[in-house]
Amino acid sequence: MAGLFATYRDNGKPPAGSHRIYDSQLQALMDEDIRLAHGEVPALDFDPLCQCQDYQKLVAQLTVRAASPKAAIVDATLRDLGMPKDRPRNAVFDLVKEHGAWRIHDIHADNPKSLRAFLIQQNTARSRPQKHK
């Protein structure tokens, strides 16, 4: 996680292949969100890692809350030092071991409370046939 957040310093771009940071289930939900947007802005219209749309000098304070050989929970306090009015925001990352590597299974924050639940709800709502009046 520390290496991942290091890419957010100095207005850098997330690393190439950053989609490989999510487990297969969460990645499938994100891919479906994009598919259902039909070229428009998807429901997930911000970067769930930094809990932001723009950043300049993001720093993350990370604390491992719990860990086992197959799962971990990491607390993060995020702050953008390049934006003077930015307030610290908290996120909790649920990690799982998938194919021998740590992957993000879910992200909990103020909004959305659960990235997985948000994507499931949005994807379900947008995949229902629209009723015409």
N, C-alpha and C. Protein backbone atom coordinates (compact mmCIF):
# COMPACT_ATOMS: atom_id res chain seq x y z
N MET A 1 0.83 -1.19 0.00
CA MET A 1 0.00 0.00 0.00
C MET A 1 0.87 1.25 0.00
N ALA A 2 1.95 1.26 0.76
CA ALA A 2 2.82 2.43 0.80
C ALA A 2 3.39 2.72 -0.58
N GLY A 3 3.81 1.69 -1.30
CA GLY A 3 4.35 1.87 -2.64
C GLY A 3 3.30 2.42 -3.59
N LEU A 4 2.08 1.97 -3.44
CA LEU A 4 0.99 2.44 -4.29
C LEU A 4 0.74 3.92 -4.05
N PHE A 5 0.65 4.33 -2.78
CA PHE A 5 0.39 5.73 -2.48
C PHE A 5 1.58 6.62 -2.81
N ALA A 6 2.77 6.07 -2.88
CA ALA A 6 3.95 6.86 -3.26
C ALA A 6 3.78 7.44 -4.66
N THR A 7 3.01 6.77 -5.52
CA THR A 7 2.80 7.27 -6.88
C THR A 7 1.93 8.52 -6.91
N TYR A 8 1.27 8.84 -5.80
CA TYR A 8 0.39 10.00 -5.75
C TYR A 8 1.12 11.27 -5.29
N ARG A 9 2.38 11.17 -4.96
CA ARG A 9 3.12 12.36 -4.57
C ARG A 9 3.43 13.19 -5.81
N ASP A 10 3.53 14.47 -5.63
CA ASP A 10 3.94 15.38 -6.70
C ASP A 10 3.09 15.25 -7.96
N ASN A 11 1.79 15.09 -7.77
CA ASN A 11 0.82 15.06 -8.86
C ASN A 11 1.16 13.99 -9.90
N GLY A 12 1.75 12.90 -9.45
CA GLY A 12 2.08 11.79 -10.35
C GLY A 12 0.84 11.05 -10.78
N LYS A 13 1.01 10.17 -11.73
CA LYS A 13 -0.11 9.37 -12.20
C LYS A 13 -0.04 8.01 -11.54
N PRO A 14 -1.20 7.40 -11.28
CA PRO A 14 -1.18 6.03 -10.77
C PRO A 14 -0.40 5.14 -11.73
N PRO A 15 0.22 4.11 -11.22
CA PRO A 15 1.09 3.28 -12.06
C PRO A 15 0.34 2.58 -13.18
N ALA A 16 1.05 2.35 -14.29
CA ALA A 16 0.47 1.58 -15.39
C ALA A 16 0.06 0.22 -14.85
N GLY A 17 -1.05 -0.26 -15.30
CA GLY A 17 -1.53 -1.55 -14.80
C GLY A 17 -2.16 -1.44 -13.43
N SER A 18 -2.59 -0.22 -13.04
CA SER A 18 -3.13 -0.05 -11.69
C SER A 18 -4.41 -0.85 -11.49
N HIS A 19 -5.04 -1.30 -12.59
CA HIS A 19 -6.23 -2.14 -12.44
C HIS A 19 -5.87 -3.46 -11.75
N ARG A 20 -4.59 -3.81 -11.74
CA ARG A 20 -4.18 -5.05 -11.09
C ARG A 20 -4.08 -4.92 -9.58
N ILE A 21 -4.47 -3.79 -9.04
CA ILE A 21 -4.43 -3.62 -7.59
C ILE A 21 -5.72 -4.09 -6.93
N TYR A 22 -6.77 -4.30 -7.73
CA TYR A 22 -8.06 -4.73 -7.20
C TYR A 22 -8.21 -6.24 -7.37
N ASP A 23 -8.95 -6.88 -6.47
CA ASP A 23 -9.21 -8.30 -6.66
C ASP A 23 -10.15 -8.48 -7.85
N SER A 24 -10.26 -9.69 -8.33
CA SER A 24 -11.03 -9.93 -9.56
C SER A 24 -12.50 -9.54 -9.41
N GLN A 25 -13.07 -9.71 -8.23
CA GLN A 25 -14.48 -9.35 -8.04
C GLN A 25 -14.69 -7.84 -8.11
N LEU A 26 -13.85 -7.07 -7.42
CA LEU A 26 -14.00 -5.62 -7.44
C LEU A 26 -13.67 -5.07 -8.83
N GLN A 27 -12.67 -5.63 -9.48
CA GLN A 27 -12.34 -5.18 -10.83
C GLN A 27 -13.51 -5.44 -11.79
N ALA A 28 -14.18 -6.58 -11.63
CA ALA A 28 -15.33 -6.89 -12.48
C ALA A 28 -16.46 -5.87 -12.26
N LEU A 29 -16.67 -5.46 -11.01
CA LEU A 29 -17.69 -4.44 -10.73
C LEU A 29 -17.32 -3.11 -11.36
N MET A 30 -16.05 -2.76 -11.31
CA MET A 30 -15.58 -1.50 -11.91
C MET A 30 -15.70 -1.56 -13.44
N ASP A 31 -15.34 -2.68 -14.02
CA ASP A 31 -15.47 -2.84 -15.47
C ASP A 31 -16.93 -2.75 -15.91
N GLU A 32 -17.82 -3.35 -15.13
CA GLU A 32 -19.25 -3.29 -15.44
C GLU A 32 -19.78 -1.86 -15.34
N ASP A 33 -19.30 -1.11 -14.36
CA ASP A 33 -19.69 0.29 -14.21
C ASP A 33 -19.32 1.06 -15.48
N ILE A 34 -18.13 0.84 -15.99
CA ILE A 34 -17.70 1.52 -17.21
C ILE A 34 -18.55 1.07 -18.41
N ARG A 35 -18.81 -0.22 -18.50
CA ARG A 35 -19.62 -0.74 -19.61
C ARG A 35 -21.01 -0.14 -19.60
N LEU A 36 -21.62 -0.08 -18.42
CA LEU A 36 -22.99 0.44 -18.30
C LEU A 36 -23.08 1.95 -18.54
N ALA A 37 -21.94 2.63 -18.50
CA ALA A 37 -21.95 4.08 -18.74
C ALA A 37 -22.09 4.39 -20.24
N HIS A 38 -21.86 3.40 -21.09
CA HIS A 38 -22.01 3.57 -22.55
C HIS A 38 -21.28 4.82 -23.05
N GLY A 39 -20.03 4.97 -22.63
CA GLY A 39 -19.22 6.09 -23.09
C GLY A 39 -19.40 7.38 -22.32
N GLU A 40 -20.36 7.42 -21.42
CA GLU A 40 -20.57 8.59 -20.58
C GLU A 40 -19.75 8.44 -19.29
N VAL A 41 -19.90 9.36 -18.37
CA VAL A 41 -19.19 9.29 -17.09
C VAL A 41 -19.78 8.14 -16.26
N PRO A 42 -18.94 7.22 -15.79
CA PRO A 42 -19.46 6.12 -14.97
C PRO A 42 -19.89 6.60 -13.59
N ALA A 43 -20.57 5.75 -12.85
CA ALA A 43 -21.00 6.10 -11.49
C ALA A 43 -19.78 6.39 -10.62
N LEU A 44 -18.73 5.63 -10.79
CA LEU A 44 -17.49 5.85 -10.05
C LEU A 44 -16.71 6.93 -10.80
N ASP A 45 -16.96 8.18 -10.42
CA ASP A 45 -16.37 9.31 -11.15
C ASP A 45 -15.25 9.99 -10.37
N PHE A 46 -14.59 9.23 -9.51
CA PHE A 46 -13.47 9.75 -8.74
C PHE A 46 -12.50 8.60 -8.51
N ASP A 47 -11.32 8.92 -8.04
CA ASP A 47 -10.32 7.90 -7.76
C ASP A 47 -10.60 7.33 -6.37
N PRO A 48 -10.99 6.08 -6.26
CA PRO A 48 -11.34 5.53 -4.96
C PRO A 48 -10.13 5.36 -4.03
N LEU A 49 -8.94 5.30 -4.57
CA LEU A 49 -7.76 5.16 -3.71
C LEU A 49 -7.50 6.42 -2.91
N CYS A 50 -7.48 7.56 -3.60
CA CYS A 50 -7.18 8.81 -2.90
C CYS A 50 -8.43 9.51 -2.39
N GLN A 51 -9.61 8.95 -2.71
CA GLN A 51 -10.88 9.57 -2.32
C GLN A 51 -10.95 11.00 -2.86
N CYS A 52 -10.52 11.18 -4.13
CA CYS A 52 -10.46 12.51 -4.70
C CYS A 52 -10.60 12.44 -6.21
N GLN A 53 -10.76 13.61 -6.82
CA GLN A 53 -10.73 13.71 -8.28
C GLN A 53 -9.40 14.29 -8.73
N ASP A 54 -8.90 15.23 -7.99
CA ASP A 54 -7.62 15.87 -8.29
C ASP A 54 -6.75 15.83 -7.05
N TYR A 55 -5.46 15.84 -7.27
CA TYR A 55 -4.52 15.89 -6.15
C TYR A 55 -3.22 16.51 -6.64
N GLN A 56 -2.43 16.99 -5.69
CA GLN A 56 -1.15 17.57 -6.03
C GLN A 56 -0.01 16.88 -5.30
N LYS A 57 -0.14 16.76 -4.00
CA LYS A 57 0.95 16.20 -3.19
C LYS A 57 0.33 15.35 -2.08
N LEU A 58 -0.27 14.26 -2.49
CA LEU A 58 -1.01 13.41 -1.56
C LEU A 58 -0.05 12.58 -0.71
N VAL A 59 -0.32 12.56 0.57
CA VAL A 59 0.44 11.70 1.48
C VAL A 59 -0.56 10.81 2.22
N ALA A 60 -0.12 9.62 2.52
CA ALA A 60 -0.98 8.66 3.22
C ALA A 60 -0.26 8.12 4.44
N GLN A 61 -0.95 8.16 5.56
CA GLN A 61 -0.45 7.53 6.78
C GLN A 61 -1.20 6.20 6.88
N LEU A 62 -0.46 5.09 6.85
CA LEU A 62 -1.06 3.76 6.80
C LEU A 62 -0.79 3.00 8.09
N THR A 63 -1.81 2.29 8.55
CA THR A 63 -1.68 1.45 9.73
C THR A 63 -2.38 0.13 9.45
N VAL A 64 -1.66 -0.96 9.65
CA VAL A 64 -2.26 -2.28 9.48
C VAL A 64 -3.06 -2.57 10.74
N ARG A 65 -4.36 -2.71 10.58
CA ARG A 65 -5.25 -2.99 11.71
C ARG A 65 -5.28 -4.48 12.02
N ALA A 66 -5.30 -5.28 10.98
CA ALA A 66 -5.37 -6.74 11.15
C ALA A 66 -4.75 -7.39 9.93
N ALA A 67 -4.14 -8.56 10.16
CA ALA A 67 -3.53 -9.27 9.03
C ALA A 67 -3.48 -10.75 9.30
N SER A 68 -3.71 -11.52 8.26
CA SER A 68 -3.56 -12.97 8.29
C SER A 68 -2.86 -13.33 6.97
N PRO A 69 -2.54 -14.59 6.76
CA PRO A 69 -1.89 -14.93 5.49
C PRO A 69 -2.76 -14.67 4.25
N LYS A 70 -4.08 -14.56 4.42
CA LYS A 70 -4.96 -14.41 3.26
C LYS A 70 -5.72 -13.09 3.21
N ALA A 71 -5.71 -12.30 4.29
CA ALA A 71 -6.48 -11.06 4.31
C ALA A 71 -5.82 -10.05 5.25
N ALA A 72 -6.10 -8.78 4.99
CA ALA A 72 -5.58 -7.72 5.85
C ALA A 72 -6.53 -6.53 5.79
N ILE A 73 -6.48 -5.73 6.83
CA ILE A 73 -7.24 -4.48 6.89
C ILE A 73 -6.24 -3.37 7.17
N VAL A 74 -6.25 -2.35 6.31
CA VAL A 74 -5.32 -1.24 6.45
C VAL A 74 -6.10 0.06 6.58
N ASP A 75 -5.82 0.80 7.65
CA ASP A 75 -6.41 2.12 7.84
C ASP A 75 -5.50 3.15 7.16
N ALA A 76 -6.10 4.11 6.49
CA ALA A 76 -5.34 5.16 5.82
C ALA A 76 -5.91 6.52 6.18
N THR A 77 -5.03 7.45 6.49
CA THR A 77 -5.40 8.85 6.62
C THR A 77 -4.72 9.55 5.46
N LEU A 78 -5.53 10.19 4.62
CA LEU A 78 -5.05 10.81 3.39
C LEU A 78 -5.13 12.32 3.50
N ARG A 79 -4.07 12.97 3.03
CA ARG A 79 -4.06 14.44 3.04
C ARG A 79 -3.26 14.93 1.86
N ASP A 80 -3.77 15.97 1.21
CA ASP A 80 -3.07 16.56 0.08
C ASP A 80 -2.35 17.82 0.56
N LEU A 81 -1.04 17.72 0.70
CA LEU A 81 -0.25 18.85 1.19
C LEU A 81 -0.16 19.97 0.17
N GLY A 82 -0.48 19.69 -1.08
CA GLY A 82 -0.45 20.71 -2.13
C GLY A 82 -1.71 21.53 -2.20
N MET A 83 -2.71 21.16 -1.43
CA MET A 83 -3.98 21.91 -1.40
C MET A 83 -4.20 22.37 0.04
N PRO A 84 -3.90 23.63 0.33
CA PRO A 84 -3.92 24.11 1.72
C PRO A 84 -5.23 23.91 2.46
N LYS A 85 -6.35 23.93 1.76
CA LYS A 85 -7.65 23.78 2.44
C LYS A 85 -8.10 22.32 2.53
N ASP A 86 -7.27 21.41 2.03
CA ASP A 86 -7.63 19.98 2.08
C ASP A 86 -7.64 19.49 3.51
N ARG A 87 -8.69 18.78 3.86
CA ARG A 87 -8.81 18.20 5.20
C ARG A 87 -8.43 16.73 5.12
N PRO A 88 -7.86 16.20 6.19
CA PRO A 88 -7.55 14.76 6.18
C PRO A 88 -8.82 13.95 5.99
N ARG A 89 -8.73 12.88 5.25
CA ARG A 89 -9.86 11.97 5.07
C ARG A 89 -9.37 10.56 5.36
N ASN A 90 -10.27 9.78 5.89
CA ASN A 90 -9.93 8.43 6.30
C ASN A 90 -10.54 7.41 5.36
N ALA A 91 -9.83 6.34 5.16
CA ALA A 91 -10.33 5.22 4.37
C ALA A 91 -9.80 3.93 4.99
N VAL A 92 -10.56 2.87 4.81
CA VAL A 92 -10.15 1.55 5.28
C VAL A 92 -10.12 0.64 4.05
N PHE A 93 -9.01 -0.04 3.88
CA PHE A 93 -8.81 -0.93 2.74
C PHE A 93 -8.85 -2.38 3.21
N ASP A 94 -9.79 -3.13 2.64
CA ASP A 94 -9.84 -4.58 2.87
C ASP A 94 -9.00 -5.23 1.77
N LEU A 95 -7.98 -5.95 2.16
CA LEU A 95 -7.09 -6.60 1.20
C LEU A 95 -7.25 -8.10 1.27
N VAL A 96 -7.08 -8.76 0.14
CA VAL A 96 -7.09 -10.22 0.08
C VAL A 96 -5.90 -10.67 -0.75
N LYS A 97 -5.45 -11.86 -0.49
CA LYS A 97 -4.37 -12.45 -1.28
C LYS A 97 -5.03 -13.18 -2.45
N GLU A 98 -4.68 -12.79 -3.67
CA GLU A 98 -5.25 -13.39 -4.86
C GLU A 98 -4.11 -13.65 -5.85
N HIS A 99 -3.98 -14.88 -6.26
CA HIS A 99 -2.91 -15.27 -7.18
C HIS A 99 -1.54 -14.87 -6.64
N GLY A 100 -1.38 -15.00 -5.33
CA GLY A 100 -0.09 -14.74 -4.70
C GLY A 100 0.25 -13.28 -4.46
N ALA A 101 -0.68 -12.38 -4.72
CA ALA A 101 -0.42 -10.95 -4.52
C ALA A 101 -1.56 -10.31 -3.75
N TRP A 102 -1.24 -9.26 -3.00
CA TRP A 102 -2.27 -8.52 -2.27
C TRP A 102 -3.08 -7.68 -3.24
N ARG A 103 -4.39 -7.75 -3.11
CA ARG A 103 -5.31 -6.99 -3.95
C ARG A 103 -6.36 -6.32 -3.05
N ILE A 104 -6.88 -5.19 -3.51
CA ILE A 104 -7.91 -4.47 -2.77
C ILE A 104 -9.25 -5.13 -3.05
N HIS A 105 -9.93 -5.56 -1.98
CA HIS A 105 -11.24 -6.21 -2.07
C HIS A 105 -12.36 -5.20 -1.87
N ASP A 106 -12.12 -4.19 -1.03
CA ASP A 106 -13.13 -3.16 -0.79
C ASP A 106 -12.43 -1.95 -0.18
N ILE A 107 -13.05 -0.79 -0.35
CA ILE A 107 -12.58 0.45 0.26
C ILE A 107 -13.76 1.07 0.99
N HIS A 108 -13.56 1.38 2.27
CA HIS A 108 -14.60 2.01 3.09
C HIS A 108 -14.17 3.44 3.40
N ALA A 109 -15.09 4.38 3.21
CA ALA A 109 -14.81 5.79 3.48
C ALA A 109 -16.13 6.49 3.80
N ASP A 110 -16.07 7.81 3.93
CA ASP A 110 -17.30 8.55 4.21
C ASP A 110 -18.30 8.42 3.07
N ASN A 111 -17.80 8.51 1.84
CA ASN A 111 -18.68 8.42 0.69
C ASN A 111 -17.91 7.84 -0.48
N PRO A 112 -18.21 6.67 -0.91
CA PRO A 112 -19.23 5.76 -0.38
C PRO A 112 -18.71 4.99 0.85
N LYS A 113 -19.64 4.51 1.63
CA LYS A 113 -19.29 3.73 2.82
C LYS A 113 -18.57 2.45 2.44
N SER A 114 -18.97 1.86 1.33
CA SER A 114 -18.33 0.66 0.79
C SER A 114 -18.30 0.80 -0.72
N LEU A 115 -17.12 0.75 -1.30
CA LEU A 115 -17.01 0.85 -2.75
C LEU A 115 -17.73 -0.30 -3.43
N ARG A 116 -17.57 -1.51 -2.90
CA ARG A 116 -18.24 -2.69 -3.48
C ARG A 116 -19.76 -2.50 -3.47
N ALA A 117 -20.31 -2.13 -2.32
CA ALA A 117 -21.76 -1.96 -2.20
C ALA A 117 -22.25 -0.86 -3.14
N PHE A 118 -21.51 0.22 -3.25
CA PHE A 118 -21.87 1.32 -4.15
C PHE A 118 -21.92 0.83 -5.59
N LEU A 119 -20.89 0.12 -6.02
CA LEU A 119 -20.86 -0.37 -7.40
C LEU A 119 -21.95 -1.39 -7.67
N ILE A 120 -22.21 -2.28 -6.73
CA ILE A 120 -23.28 -3.27 -6.90
C ILE A 120 -24.62 -2.55 -7.05
N GLN A 121 -24.88 -1.58 -6.19
CA GLN A 121 -26.14 -0.84 -6.24
C GLN A 121 -26.27 -0.07 -7.55
N GLN A 122 -25.22 0.64 -7.94
CA GLN A 122 -25.26 1.42 -9.18
C GLN A 122 -25.41 0.54 -10.41
N ASN A 123 -24.64 -0.54 -10.45
CA ASN A 123 -24.70 -1.44 -11.61
C ASN A 123 -26.06 -2.10 -11.72
N THR A 124 -26.62 -2.50 -10.60
CA THR A 124 -27.93 -3.13 -10.59
C THR A 124 -29.00 -2.15 -11.08
N ALA A 125 -28.96 -0.94 -10.57
CA ALA A 125 -29.95 0.06 -10.96
C ALA A 125 -29.86 0.40 -12.45
N ARG A 126 -28.66 0.49 -12.98
CA ARG A 126 -28.50 0.87 -14.39
C ARG A 126 -28.71 -0.29 -15.35
N SER A 127 -28.69 -1.52 -14.85
CA SER A 127 -28.89 -2.64 -15.76
C SER A 127 -30.35 -3.07 -15.85
N ARG A 128 -31.21 -2.47 -15.03
CA ARG A 128 -32.66 -2.74 -15.12
C ARG A 128 -33.22 -2.04 -16.35
N PRO A 129 -34.18 -2.66 -17.01
CA PRO A 129 -34.83 -2.00 -18.16
C PRO A 129 -35.51 -0.71 -17.69
N GLN A 130 -35.35 0.33 -18.48
CA GLN A 130 -35.99 1.62 -18.15
C GLN A 130 -37.47 1.56 -18.48
N LYS A 131 -38.30 2.02 -17.56
CA LYS A 131 -39.74 2.08 -17.80
C LYS A 131 -40.08 3.42 -18.45
N HIS A 132 -40.84 3.37 -19.52
CA HIS A 132 -41.26 4.60 -20.21
C HIS A 132 -42.66 4.95 -19.77
N LYS A 133 -42.88 6.22 -19.55
CA LYS A 133 -44.20 6.70 -19.11
C LYS A 133 -45.04 7.10 -20.28
